[in-house]
Amino acid sequence: MNRFEGRSVIVTAAGSGIGRAIALRLHEEGAKVLAVDIHAESLASLPASDTLRTLMQDVTADDAPARIVQACIGHFGGVRVLVNNAGLGNCPPFHETSDADYQKWLDINLKTTFIITRAALPELIKARGVVLNIASTLGVVGYRRQAVYSMAKAGVIGLTRNLAADYADRGIRVNAIAPGIIATPQTAGRLNTARFYATIVGTTPMGRPGKPEEIAGAAAFLCSDDAGFVTGQVLAVDGGQTSSAYISDALVQCWVDAHPDT
């Protein structure tokens, strides 16, 4: 498939995990991709190509939006698709969240999505382009000890819907993906803990973490003309977790073992 032939794409946090999978999938389908990441070594591991360029950049830096957009224009002549993937999970519990913590998680998860999209907007209007924001199922439902992260991702969802309403008449589509638990380098530590695995994977009907490539497949659809009449939507790619009240047999047995007299 060559759904993105000749189209210029920005993907933030593209060096690993979900961002890497999206960048590679869109590139495979013909896109000219600017992969942005703070880690030079991760970017260096991407395949070298005239149509896959890299930019080492901290997306929270003041000059990041202008640098990212100008780099894409310089390499490829414009911006047709923007994928705001940069984010940071595993925040402190609410009662331990300092002002600095609050700002850190809000900046990388919400502010960067806002300001990079704002910087790219003139090019997106010219191209009648697409914005895809990577939110989270924790922006849709609550989960213990994730207050500021959940709040920020809920903000990404709100921003997605408002931008879709604001710019549909300019030919721009704006959607979001809300991943559930995905096996990435960022989640590896938590997935190796019994409590996290039991409460997250154990409440996912499909019984496993998702793969970055499964998010990339959804992203390719939403960024392509196949989704030409789709805007303002939040697609949960979560193995069914947020659409059901599911408890695995193993969790039920744990409860029974802990409460033998009930």
C-alpha atoms as a PDB file:
ATOM      1  CA  MET A   1       0.000   0.000   0.000  1.00  0.00           C
ATOM      2  CA  ASN A   2       1.139   3.530  -0.784  1.00  0.00           C
ATOM      3  CA  ARG A   3      -1.520   5.584   0.943  1.00  0.00           C
ATOM      4  CA  PHE A   4       1.014   8.240   1.958  1.00  0.00           C
ATOM      5  CA  GLU A   5       3.015   8.495  -1.233  1.00  0.00           C
ATOM      6  CA  GLY A   6       4.693  11.923  -1.305  1.00  0.00           C
ATOM      7  CA  ARG A   7       3.090  13.110   1.930  1.00  0.00           C
ATOM      8  CA  SER A   8       5.276  14.779   4.545  1.00  0.00           C
ATOM      9  CA  VAL A   9       4.816  13.549   8.106  1.00  0.00           C
ATOM     10  CA  ILE A  10       6.108  14.597  11.524  1.00  0.00           C
ATOM     11  CA  VAL A  11       6.175  11.990  14.294  1.00  0.00           C
ATOM     12  CA  THR A  12       7.330  13.057  17.761  1.00  0.00           C
ATOM     13  CA  ALA A  13       9.041  10.632  20.158  1.00  0.00           C
ATOM     14  CA  ALA A  14       9.722   8.459  17.122  1.00  0.00           C
ATOM     15  CA  GLY A  15      12.878   6.770  18.361  1.00  0.00           C
ATOM     16  CA  SER A  16      11.215   3.871  20.149  1.00  0.00           C
ATOM     17  CA  GLY A  17       7.940   2.249  21.104  1.00  0.00           C
ATOM     18  CA  ILE A  18       4.700   3.519  19.605  1.00  0.00           C
ATOM     19  CA  GLY A  19       6.283   6.495  17.843  1.00  0.00           C
ATOM     20  CA  ARG A  20       8.880   4.342  16.125  1.00  0.00           C
ATOM     21  CA  ALA A  21       6.233   1.876  14.954  1.00  0.00           C
ATOM     22  CA  ILE A  22       4.092   4.696  13.542  1.00  0.00           C
ATOM     23  CA  ALA A  23       7.028   6.353  11.785  1.00  0.00           C
ATOM     24  CA  LEU A  24       8.104   3.081  10.189  1.00  0.00           C
ATOM     25  CA  ARG A  25       4.562   2.111   9.164  1.00  0.00           C
ATOM     26  CA  LEU A  26       3.830   5.446   7.491  1.00  0.00           C
ATOM     27  CA  HIS A  27       7.236   5.390   5.810  1.00  0.00           C
ATOM     28  CA  GLU A  28       6.558   1.883   4.507  1.00  0.00           C
ATOM     29  CA  GLU A  29       3.363   3.236   2.983  1.00  0.00           C
ATOM     30  CA  GLY A  30       5.216   5.956   1.101  1.00  0.00           C
ATOM     31  CA  ALA A  31       5.372   8.866   3.531  1.00  0.00           C
ATOM     32  CA  LYS A  32       8.298  11.233   3.863  1.00  0.00           C
ATOM     33  CA  VAL A  33       8.851  11.133   7.602  1.00  0.00           C
ATOM     34  CA  LEU A  34      10.597  13.494   9.996  1.00  0.00           C
ATOM     35  CA  ALA A  35      11.274  11.406  13.113  1.00  0.00           C
ATOM     36  CA  VAL A  36      11.768  13.592  16.195  1.00  0.00           C
ATOM     37  CA  ASP A  37      13.203  12.320  19.470  1.00  0.00           C
ATOM     38  CA  ILE A  38      15.332  13.502  22.366  1.00  0.00           C
ATOM     39  CA  HIS A  39      17.573  10.416  22.184  1.00  0.00           C
ATOM     40  CA  ALA A  40      20.180  10.506  19.420  1.00  0.00           C
ATOM     41  CA  GLU A  41      20.973   6.805  19.749  1.00  0.00           C
ATOM     42  CA  SER A  42      17.337   5.847  19.183  1.00  0.00           C
ATOM     43  CA  LEU A  43      17.121   8.016  16.086  1.00  0.00           C
ATOM     44  CA  ALA A  44      20.383   6.559  14.774  1.00  0.00           C
ATOM     45  CA  SER A  45      18.843   3.089  14.842  1.00  0.00           C
ATOM     46  CA  LEU A  46      16.137   4.081  12.344  1.00  0.00           C
ATOM     47  CA  PRO A  47      16.788   3.053   8.736  1.00  0.00           C
ATOM     48  CA  ALA A  48      18.693   5.699   6.783  1.00  0.00           C
ATOM     49  CA  SER A  49      16.718   7.103   3.878  1.00  0.00           C
ATOM     50  CA  ASP A  50      16.229  10.336   1.943  1.00  0.00           C
ATOM     51  CA  THR A  51      12.554  10.026   2.861  1.00  0.00           C
ATOM     52  CA  LEU A  52      13.128   9.328   6.562  1.00  0.00           C
ATOM     53  CA  ARG A  53      14.983  12.152   8.246  1.00  0.00           C
ATOM     54  CA  THR A  54      15.658  12.603  11.939  1.00  0.00           C
ATOM     55  CA  LEU A  55      15.775  15.543  14.325  1.00  0.00           C
ATOM     56  CA  MET A  56      17.158  15.302  17.844  1.00  0.00           C
ATOM     57  CA  GLN A  57      14.972  17.642  19.832  1.00  0.00           C
ATOM     58  CA  ASP A  58      13.538  18.023  23.318  1.00  0.00           C
ATOM     59  CA  VAL A  59       9.894  18.708  22.474  1.00  0.00           C
ATOM     60  CA  THR A  60       9.435  20.721  25.673  1.00  0.00           C
ATOM     61  CA  ALA A  61      12.090  23.289  24.703  1.00  0.00           C
ATOM     62  CA  ASP A  62      10.853  26.781  23.882  1.00  0.00           C
ATOM     63  CA  ASP A  63      12.119  26.653  20.321  1.00  0.00           C
ATOM     64  CA  ALA A  64      10.969  23.086  19.649  1.00  0.00           C
ATOM     65  CA  PRO A  65       7.761  23.802  17.682  1.00  0.00           C
ATOM     66  CA  ALA A  66       9.455  26.152  15.222  1.00  0.00           C
ATOM     67  CA  ARG A  67      12.504  23.895  14.833  1.00  0.00           C
ATOM     68  CA  ILE A  68      10.390  20.815  14.184  1.00  0.00           C
ATOM     69  CA  VAL A  69       8.103  22.458  11.639  1.00  0.00           C
ATOM     70  CA  GLN A  70      10.953  24.203   9.844  1.00  0.00           C
ATOM     71  CA  ALA A  71      12.944  20.978   9.663  1.00  0.00           C
ATOM     72  CA  CYS A  72      10.029  19.212   7.980  1.00  0.00           C
ATOM     73  CA  ILE A  73       9.555  22.088   5.546  1.00  0.00           C
ATOM     74  CA  GLY A  74      13.280  22.131   4.832  1.00  0.00           C
ATOM     75  CA  HIS A  75      13.471  18.421   4.114  1.00  0.00           C
ATOM     76  CA  PHE A  76      10.126  17.809   2.442  1.00  0.00           C
ATOM     77  CA  GLY A  77       8.575  21.153   1.504  1.00  0.00           C
ATOM     78  CA  GLY A  78       5.689  21.214   3.954  1.00  0.00           C
ATOM     79  CA  VAL A  79       3.693  19.322   6.576  1.00  0.00           C
ATOM     80  CA  ARG A  80       0.781  17.080   5.574  1.00  0.00           C
ATOM     81  CA  VAL A  81       0.458  14.887   8.687  1.00  0.00           C
ATOM     82  CA  LEU A  82       1.389  15.591  12.300  1.00  0.00           C
ATOM     83  CA  VAL A  83       1.511  12.766  14.833  1.00  0.00           C
ATOM     84  CA  ASN A  84       1.826  14.082  18.394  1.00  0.00           C
ATOM     85  CA  ASN A  85       3.139  11.026  20.173  1.00  0.00           C
ATOM     86  CA  ALA A  86       5.507  12.438  22.806  1.00  0.00           C
ATOM     87  CA  GLY A  87       4.395  11.638  26.327  1.00  0.00           C
ATOM     88  CA  LEU A  88       5.439  10.489  29.772  1.00  0.00           C
ATOM     89  CA  GLY A  89       3.555   8.103  32.064  1.00  0.00           C
ATOM     90  CA  ASN A  90       4.075   6.690  35.554  1.00  0.00           C
ATOM     91  CA  CYS A  91       3.532   9.957  37.405  1.00  0.00           C
ATOM     92  CA  PRO A  92       3.601  10.264  41.219  1.00  0.00           C
ATOM     93  CA  PRO A  93       0.417   9.694  43.244  1.00  0.00           C
ATOM     94  CA  PHE A  94      -1.744  12.794  43.662  1.00  0.00           C
ATOM     95  CA  HIS A  95      -0.705  13.483  47.270  1.00  0.00           C
ATOM     96  CA  GLU A  96       2.978  13.245  46.310  1.00  0.00           C
ATOM     97  CA  THR A  97       2.759  15.391  43.173  1.00  0.00           C
ATOM     98  CA  SER A  98       4.813  18.544  43.591  1.00  0.00           C
ATOM     99  CA  ASP A  99       4.306  21.687  41.536  1.00  0.00           C
ATOM    100  CA  ALA A 100       7.369  20.701  39.525  1.00  0.00           C
ATOM    101  CA  ASP A 101       5.933  17.224  38.903  1.00  0.00           C
ATOM    102  CA  TYR A 102       2.616  18.733  37.875  1.00  0.00           C
ATOM    103  CA  GLN A 103       4.291  21.009  35.344  1.00  0.00           C
ATOM    104  CA  LYS A 104       6.573  18.289  33.997  1.00  0.00           C
ATOM    105  CA  TRP A 105       3.794  15.802  33.229  1.00  0.00           C
ATOM    106  CA  LEU A 106       1.456  18.503  31.934  1.00  0.00           C
ATOM    107  CA  ASP A 107       4.118  19.997  29.680  1.00  0.00           C
ATOM    108  CA  ILE A 108       5.199  16.814  27.924  1.00  0.00           C
ATOM    109  CA  ASN A 109       1.756  15.215  27.670  1.00  0.00           C
ATOM    110  CA  LEU A 110      -0.456  18.200  26.838  1.00  0.00           C
ATOM    111  CA  LYS A 111       1.414  21.450  26.265  1.00  0.00           C
ATOM    112  CA  THR A 112       3.692  20.006  23.582  1.00  0.00           C
ATOM    113  CA  THR A 113       0.674  18.667  21.669  1.00  0.00           C
ATOM    114  CA  PHE A 114      -0.893  22.134  21.768  1.00  0.00           C
ATOM    115  CA  ILE A 115       2.132  24.195  20.785  1.00  0.00           C
ATOM    116  CA  ILE A 116       3.533  21.880  18.095  1.00  0.00           C
ATOM    117  CA  THR A 117       0.101  21.662  16.471  1.00  0.00           C
ATOM    118  CA  ARG A 118      -0.222  25.440  16.637  1.00  0.00           C
ATOM    119  CA  ALA A 119       3.167  25.867  14.960  1.00  0.00           C
ATOM    120  CA  ALA A 120       2.276  23.390  12.209  1.00  0.00           C
ATOM    121  CA  LEU A 121      -1.218  24.765  11.614  1.00  0.00           C
ATOM    122  CA  PRO A 122      -0.398  27.109   8.690  1.00  0.00           C
ATOM    123  CA  GLU A 123       1.248  24.245   6.792  1.00  0.00           C
ATOM    124  CA  LEU A 124      -1.559  21.863   7.680  1.00  0.00           C
ATOM    125  CA  ILE A 125      -4.117  24.340   6.372  1.00  0.00           C
ATOM    126  CA  LYS A 126      -2.214  24.653   3.105  1.00  0.00           C
ATOM    127  CA  ALA A 127      -2.072  20.872   2.757  1.00  0.00           C
ATOM    128  CA  ARG A 128      -5.592  20.169   4.092  1.00  0.00           C
ATOM    129  CA  GLY A 129      -3.738  17.896   6.445  1.00  0.00           C
ATOM    130  CA  VAL A 130      -4.225  15.536   9.349  1.00  0.00           C
ATOM    131  CA  VAL A 131      -3.390  15.672  13.052  1.00  0.00           C
ATOM    132  CA  LEU A 132      -3.242  12.496  15.109  1.00  0.00           C
ATOM    133  CA  ASN A 133      -2.793  12.800  18.865  1.00  0.00           C
ATOM    134  CA  ILE A 134      -1.731   9.863  21.005  1.00  0.00           C
ATOM    135  CA  ALA A 135      -3.823  10.056  24.155  1.00  0.00           C
ATOM    136  CA  SER A 136      -4.433   7.165  26.574  1.00  0.00           C
ATOM    137  CA  THR A 137      -7.257   5.097  27.965  1.00  0.00           C
ATOM    138  CA  LEU A 138      -6.323   6.785  31.262  1.00  0.00           C
ATOM    139  CA  GLY A 139      -7.637   9.997  29.716  1.00  0.00           C
ATOM    140  CA  VAL A 140     -11.004   8.250  29.347  1.00  0.00           C
ATOM    141  CA  VAL A 141     -11.239   6.361  32.654  1.00  0.00           C
ATOM    142  CA  GLY A 142      -9.593   6.869  36.009  1.00  0.00           C
ATOM    143  CA  TYR A 143      -6.865   4.651  37.404  1.00  0.00           C
ATOM    144  CA  ARG A 144      -5.194   4.769  40.795  1.00  0.00           C
ATOM    145  CA  ARG A 145      -2.070   6.903  41.232  1.00  0.00           C
ATOM    146  CA  GLN A 146      -2.225   8.535  37.810  1.00  0.00           C
ATOM    147  CA  ALA A 147      -3.891  11.882  38.543  1.00  0.00           C
ATOM    148  CA  VAL A 148      -1.779  14.368  36.598  1.00  0.00           C
ATOM    149  CA  TYR A 149      -1.126  11.944  33.718  1.00  0.00           C
ATOM    150  CA  SER A 150      -4.836  11.148  33.385  1.00  0.00           C
ATOM    151  CA  MET A 151      -5.680  14.839  33.560  1.00  0.00           C
ATOM    152  CA  ALA A 152      -3.173  15.681  30.823  1.00  0.00           C
ATOM    153  CA  LYS A 153      -4.369  12.903  28.510  1.00  0.00           C
ATOM    154  CA  ALA A 154      -7.983  13.945  29.080  1.00  0.00           C
ATOM    155  CA  GLY A 155      -6.828  17.392  27.972  1.00  0.00           C
ATOM    156  CA  VAL A 156      -5.377  15.885  24.790  1.00  0.00           C
ATOM    157  CA  ILE A 157      -8.766  14.314  24.082  1.00  0.00           C
ATOM    158  CA  GLY A 158     -10.548  17.616  24.675  1.00  0.00           C
ATOM    159  CA  LEU A 159      -8.081  19.435  22.439  1.00  0.00           C
ATOM    160  CA  THR A 160      -8.582  16.819  19.715  1.00  0.00           C
ATOM    161  CA  ARG A 161     -12.336  17.315  19.665  1.00  0.00           C
ATOM    162  CA  ASN A 162     -12.135  21.084  19.712  1.00  0.00           C
ATOM    163  CA  LEU A 163      -9.557  21.310  16.924  1.00  0.00           C
ATOM    164  CA  ALA A 164     -11.681  18.950  14.835  1.00  0.00           C
ATOM    165  CA  ALA A 165     -14.633  21.302  15.237  1.00  0.00           C
ATOM    166  CA  ASP A 166     -12.559  24.433  14.657  1.00  0.00           C
ATOM    167  CA  TYR A 167     -10.765  23.365  11.469  1.00  0.00           C
ATOM    168  CA  ALA A 168     -12.942  20.840   9.655  1.00  0.00           C
ATOM    169  CA  ASP A 169     -14.090  23.627   7.343  1.00  0.00           C
ATOM    170  CA  ARG A 170     -10.427  24.228   6.446  1.00  0.00           C
ATOM    171  CA  GLY A 171     -10.011  20.624   5.369  1.00  0.00           C
ATOM    172  CA  ILE A 172      -8.122  19.453   8.459  1.00  0.00           C
ATOM    173  CA  ARG A 173      -8.997  16.237  10.257  1.00  0.00           C
ATOM    174  CA  VAL A 174      -7.991  15.747  13.908  1.00  0.00           C
ATOM    175  CA  ASN A 175      -8.322  12.434  15.716  1.00  0.00           C
ATOM    176  CA  ALA A 176      -6.770  10.640  18.668  1.00  0.00           C
ATOM    177  CA  ILE A 177      -5.801   7.119  19.607  1.00  0.00           C
ATOM    178  CA  ALA A 178      -6.173   6.059  23.230  1.00  0.00           C
ATOM    179  CA  PRO A 179      -3.814   3.101  23.707  1.00  0.00           C
ATOM    180  CA  GLY A 180      -4.312   0.691  26.536  1.00  0.00           C
ATOM    181  CA  ILE A 181      -1.294  -1.091  27.950  1.00  0.00           C
ATOM    182  CA  ILE A 182       1.271  -1.480  25.163  1.00  0.00           C
ATOM    183  CA  ALA A 183       4.531  -3.398  25.512  1.00  0.00           C
ATOM    184  CA  THR A 184       7.203  -0.727  24.960  1.00  0.00           C
ATOM    185  CA  PRO A 185      10.523   0.162  26.590  1.00  0.00           C
ATOM    186  CA  GLN A 186       8.643   2.745  28.672  1.00  0.00           C
ATOM    187  CA  THR A 187       6.211   0.190  30.115  1.00  0.00           C
ATOM    188  CA  ALA A 188       8.620  -2.738  30.457  1.00  0.00           C
ATOM    189  CA  GLY A 189       9.431  -2.085  34.111  1.00  0.00           C
ATOM    190  CA  ARG A 190       5.790  -1.955  35.162  1.00  0.00           C
ATOM    191  CA  LEU A 191       4.794  -4.979  33.098  1.00  0.00           C
ATOM    192  CA  ASN A 192       7.401  -6.970  35.004  1.00  0.00           C
ATOM    193  CA  THR A 193       5.615  -6.316  38.318  1.00  0.00           C
ATOM    194  CA  ALA A 194       2.916  -8.762  39.419  1.00  0.00           C
ATOM    195  CA  ARG A 195       0.550  -6.063  40.722  1.00  0.00           C
ATOM    196  CA  PHE A 196       0.574  -4.015  37.531  1.00  0.00           C
ATOM    197  CA  TYR A 197       0.303  -7.049  35.278  1.00  0.00           C
ATOM    198  CA  ALA A 198      -2.607  -8.433  37.285  1.00  0.00           C
ATOM    199  CA  THR A 199      -4.576  -5.190  37.478  1.00  0.00           C
ATOM    200  CA  ILE A 200      -3.991  -4.021  33.899  1.00  0.00           C
ATOM    201  CA  VAL A 201      -3.435  -7.113  31.755  1.00  0.00           C
ATOM    202  CA  GLY A 202      -5.715  -9.115  34.037  1.00  0.00           C
ATOM    203  CA  THR A 203      -8.594  -6.726  33.318  1.00  0.00           C
ATOM    204  CA  THR A 204      -8.015  -6.736  29.547  1.00  0.00           C
ATOM    205  CA  PRO A 205     -10.337  -9.205  27.798  1.00  0.00           C
ATOM    206  CA  MET A 206      -7.700 -10.091  25.191  1.00  0.00           C
ATOM    207  CA  GLY A 207      -5.388 -11.105  28.022  1.00  0.00           C
ATOM    208  CA  ARG A 208      -2.164  -9.535  26.794  1.00  0.00           C
ATOM    209  CA  PRO A 209      -0.463  -6.172  26.296  1.00  0.00           C
ATOM    210  CA  GLY A 210      -0.803  -4.598  22.885  1.00  0.00           C
ATOM    211  CA  LYS A 211       2.030  -4.227  20.406  1.00  0.00           C
ATOM    212  CA  PRO A 212       3.323  -0.884  19.091  1.00  0.00           C
ATOM    213  CA  GLU A 213       2.611  -2.143  15.566  1.00  0.00           C
ATOM    214  CA  GLU A 214      -1.071  -2.477  16.479  1.00  0.00           C
ATOM    215  CA  ILE A 215      -1.196   1.207  17.372  1.00  0.00           C
ATOM    216  CA  ALA A 216       0.650   1.971  14.132  1.00  0.00           C
ATOM    217  CA  GLY A 217      -1.990   0.124  12.128  1.00  0.00           C
ATOM    218  CA  ALA A 218      -4.743   2.239  13.661  1.00  0.00           C
ATOM    219  CA  ALA A 219      -2.647   5.365  13.105  1.00  0.00           C
ATOM    220  CA  ALA A 220      -2.133   4.537   9.432  1.00  0.00           C
ATOM    221  CA  PHE A 221      -5.894   4.258   8.972  1.00  0.00           C
ATOM    222  CA  LEU A 222      -6.729   7.504  10.773  1.00  0.00           C
ATOM    223  CA  CYS A 223      -4.008   9.460   8.941  1.00  0.00           C
ATOM    224  CA  SER A 224      -4.995   8.121   5.519  1.00  0.00           C
ATOM    225  CA  ASP A 225      -7.739   9.027   3.081  1.00  0.00           C
ATOM    226  CA  ASP A 226      -9.497   5.812   4.122  1.00  0.00           C
ATOM    227  CA  ALA A 227     -10.581   7.830   7.171  1.00  0.00           C
ATOM    228  CA  GLY A 228     -11.583  10.822   5.046  1.00  0.00           C
ATOM    229  CA  PHE A 229     -14.915  11.288   6.860  1.00  0.00           C
ATOM    230  CA  VAL A 230     -13.515  10.661  10.351  1.00  0.00           C
ATOM    231  CA  THR A 231     -12.667  13.591  12.597  1.00  0.00           C
ATOM    232  CA  GLY A 232     -12.943  14.422  16.284  1.00  0.00           C
ATOM    233  CA  GLN A 233     -12.843  10.752  17.240  1.00  0.00           C
ATOM    234  CA  VAL A 234     -10.931   8.946  19.983  1.00  0.00           C
ATOM    235  CA  LEU A 235     -10.160   5.347  19.062  1.00  0.00           C
ATOM    236  CA  ALA A 236      -9.347   3.090  22.008  1.00  0.00           C
ATOM    237  CA  VAL A 237      -6.828   0.427  21.020  1.00  0.00           C
ATOM    238  CA  ASP A 238      -6.858  -1.438  24.306  1.00  0.00           C
ATOM    239  CA  GLY A 239      -7.814  -5.081  23.881  1.00  0.00           C
ATOM    240  CA  GLY A 240     -11.336  -4.279  25.059  1.00  0.00           C
ATOM    241  CA  GLN A 241     -10.365  -3.019  28.503  1.00  0.00           C
ATOM    242  CA  THR A 242     -12.404   0.204  28.566  1.00  0.00           C
ATOM    243  CA  SER A 243     -15.457  -1.341  26.890  1.00  0.00           C
ATOM    244  CA  SER A 244     -16.102  -4.054  29.468  1.00  0.00           C
ATOM    245  CA  ALA A 245     -16.077  -4.879  33.155  1.00  0.00           C
ATOM    246  CA  TYR A 246     -13.710  -7.807  32.830  1.00  0.00           C
ATOM    247  CA  ILE A 247     -11.898  -9.752  35.535  1.00  0.00           C
ATOM    248  CA  SER A 248      -9.755 -12.721  34.604  1.00  0.00           C
ATOM    249  CA  ASP A 249     -10.237 -16.153  36.155  1.00  0.00           C
ATOM    250  CA  ALA A 250      -6.823 -15.796  37.772  1.00  0.00           C
ATOM    251  CA  LEU A 251      -7.885 -12.614  39.569  1.00  0.00           C
ATOM    252  CA  VAL A 252     -11.113 -14.229  40.703  1.00  0.00           C
ATOM    253  CA  GLN A 253      -9.151 -17.162  42.088  1.00  0.00           C
ATOM    254  CA  CYS A 254      -6.803 -14.809  43.927  1.00  0.00           C
ATOM    255  CA  TRP A 255      -9.783 -13.162  45.593  1.00  0.00           C
ATOM    256  CA  VAL A 256     -11.306 -16.516  46.516  1.00  0.00           C
ATOM    257  CA  ASP A 257      -8.007 -17.687  47.987  1.00  0.00           C
ATOM    258  CA  ALA A 258      -7.733 -14.503  50.035  1.00  0.00           C
ATOM    259  CA  HIS A 259     -11.331 -14.748  51.314  1.00  0.00           C
ATOM    260  CA  PRO A 260     -11.908 -18.468  51.984  1.00  0.00           C
ATOM    261  CA  ASP A 261     -14.896 -17.882  54.256  1.00  0.00           C
ATOM    262  CA  THR A 262     -17.022 -15.935  51.770  1.00  0.00           C
END
